[in-house]
Every structure is written in C-alpha cells, then in structure tokens.
C-alpha atoms as a PDB file:
ATOM      1  CA  MET A   1      45.330  48.323 -90.975  1.00  0.00           C
ATOM      2  CA  ALA A   2      47.464  47.822 -87.555  1.00  0.00           C
ATOM      3  CA  HIS A   3      43.795  46.820 -86.159  1.00  0.00           C
ATOM      4  CA  ASP A   4      43.296  44.258 -88.331  1.00  0.00           C
ATOM      5  CA  GLU A   5      46.777  42.964 -88.035  1.00  0.00           C
ATOM      6  CA  PHE A   6      46.193  42.845 -84.647  1.00  0.00           C
ATOM      7  CA  ASN A   7      42.984  41.031 -85.061  1.00  0.00           C
ATOM      8  CA  SER A   8      44.896  38.413 -87.529  1.00  0.00           C
ATOM      9  CA  GLY A   9      47.579  37.798 -85.406  1.00  0.00           C
ATOM     10  CA  ALA A  10      45.641  37.492 -82.285  1.00  0.00           C
ATOM     11  CA  ARG A  11      42.927  35.036 -84.127  1.00  0.00           C
ATOM     12  CA  HIS A  12      46.159  33.036 -85.083  1.00  0.00           C
ATOM     13  CA  GLY A  13      47.680  32.921 -81.796  1.00  0.00           C
ATOM     14  CA  PHE A  14      44.229  31.559 -80.001  1.00  0.00           C
ATOM     15  CA  SER A  15      43.921  29.061 -83.131  1.00  0.00           C
ATOM     16  CA  MET A  16      47.109  27.458 -82.592  1.00  0.00           C
ATOM     17  CA  ALA A  17      46.519  27.648 -78.504  1.00  0.00           C
ATOM     18  CA  LEU A  18      43.402  25.656 -79.089  1.00  0.00           C
ATOM     19  CA  TYR A  19      45.079  23.453 -81.376  1.00  0.00           C
ATOM     20  CA  ALA A  20      47.571  22.599 -78.941  1.00  0.00           C
ATOM     21  CA  VAL A  21      44.738  21.774 -76.379  1.00  0.00           C
ATOM     22  CA  ARG A  22      43.232  19.448 -78.974  1.00  0.00           C
ATOM     23  CA  ASP A  23      46.462  17.772 -79.628  1.00  0.00           C
ATOM     24  CA  VAL A  24      47.074  17.104 -76.275  1.00  0.00           C
ATOM     25  CA  ASP A  25      43.352  15.624 -75.902  1.00  0.00           C
ATOM     26  CA  ARG A  26      43.858  13.336 -78.503  1.00  0.00           C
ATOM     27  CA  GLU A  27      46.561  12.110 -76.587  1.00  0.00           C
ATOM     28  CA  ILE A  28      44.426  11.003 -73.643  1.00  0.00           C
ATOM     29  CA  GLU A  29      43.607   7.403 -73.535  1.00  0.00           C
ATOM     30  CA  TYR A  30      40.735   5.901 -72.224  1.00  0.00           C
ATOM     31  CA  PRO A  31      41.455   3.503 -69.381  1.00  0.00           C
ATOM     32  CA  ASP A  32      41.280  -0.239 -70.101  1.00  0.00           C
ATOM     33  CA  GLU A  33      41.622  -1.493 -67.149  1.00  0.00           C
ATOM     34  CA  ARG A  34      38.727  -1.644 -64.365  1.00  0.00           C
ATOM     35  CA  GLY A  35      41.188   0.279 -61.623  1.00  0.00           C
ATOM     36  CA  LYS A  36      39.278   3.256 -60.428  1.00  0.00           C
ATOM     37  CA  GLU A  37      42.444   5.583 -59.985  1.00  0.00           C
ATOM     38  CA  ASP A  38      43.016   5.081 -63.906  1.00  0.00           C
ATOM     39  CA  TYR A  39      39.133   6.491 -64.604  1.00  0.00           C
ATOM     40  CA  ILE A  40      39.798   9.223 -61.690  1.00  0.00           C
ATOM     41  CA  LYS A  41      43.006  10.443 -63.660  1.00  0.00           C
ATOM     42  CA  TYR A  42      41.411   9.911 -66.748  1.00  0.00           C
ATOM     43  CA  ASN A  43      38.515  12.148 -65.917  1.00  0.00           C
ATOM     44  CA  ALA A  44      40.462  14.925 -64.267  1.00  0.00           C
ATOM     45  CA  GLN A  45      42.909  15.423 -67.108  1.00  0.00           C
ATOM     46  CA  LYS A  46      39.414  15.509 -69.759  1.00  0.00           C
ATOM     47  CA  ASP A  47      38.399  18.206 -67.210  1.00  0.00           C
ATOM     48  CA  LEU A  48      41.361  20.468 -66.625  1.00  0.00           C
ATOM     49  CA  LEU A  49      41.502  20.603 -70.736  1.00  0.00           C
ATOM     50  CA  TYR A  50      38.309  21.155 -70.790  1.00  0.00           C
ATOM     51  CA  LYS A  51      39.002  24.073 -68.682  1.00  0.00           C
ATOM     52  CA  ILE A  52      41.921  25.407 -70.620  1.00  0.00           C
ATOM     53  CA  TYR A  53      39.727  25.279 -73.428  1.00  0.00           C
ATOM     54  CA  GLU A  54      37.169  27.508 -72.417  1.00  0.00           C
ATOM     55  CA  SER A  55      39.609  29.832 -71.055  1.00  0.00           C
ATOM     56  CA  ILE A  56      40.879  30.207 -74.205  1.00  0.00           C
ATOM     57  CA  LYS A  57      37.906  30.564 -75.932  1.00  0.00           C
ATOM     58  CA  LYS A  58      36.970  33.475 -73.486  1.00  0.00           C
ATOM     59  CA  GLN A  59      39.634  35.272 -73.518  1.00  0.00           C
ATOM     60  CA  GLN A  60      39.607  34.823 -77.193  1.00  0.00           C
ATOM     61  CA  LYS A  61      35.912  36.656 -77.208  1.00  0.00           C
ATOM     62  CA  LEU A  62      37.178  39.349 -75.387  1.00  0.00           C
ATOM     63  CA  GLU A  63      40.492  40.107 -77.124  1.00  0.00           C
ATOM     64  CA  VAL A  64      39.415  39.421 -80.992  1.00  0.00           C
ATOM     65  CA  HIS A  65      36.902  42.276 -82.378  1.00  0.00           C
ATOM     66  CA  GLU A  66      35.580  41.006 -85.990  1.00  0.00           C
ATOM     67  CA  ASN A  67      33.502  43.901 -86.748  1.00  0.00           C
ATOM     68  CA  ASP A  68      35.549  46.607 -84.371  1.00  0.00           C
ATOM     69  CA  TYR A  69      37.030  49.336 -87.255  1.00  0.00           C
END
C-alpha cells in the first residue's frame, strides 16, 4: 500500500513539474521583429525548456515504477 501511495505522489509531482514547464513555454512569444538577437533569445529559451522537460521525463521514468509491486 505504501508503495502505491509513493508512486501516486511521485506521479503527481512529476506531472505538476511538467505542467509548469509547459506553462512557461506558452508564455514565450515568437519574436515579431527581424532582429537576430530576438531569435537567438527565443531559441535559447526553447532549448533550455526542452532540456528541463527531458530531464523531468528521465527522472520520472527512473523514479516511478508502474508495475513494481
């Protein structure tokens, strides 16, 4: 029973972390102007968010064991 509660709590925590990353991702606006710095900033922000997202997914896979009873 305790193991199920851990998995449920861990799953919820990881889901909330992924939701927060997606929320920040929605706030990043594509640059309207043709300035090179704006595109560099936009791409850097997206790249960083992608790395954070992938790290959370990797940790979720390591920590949450669906069929481990």
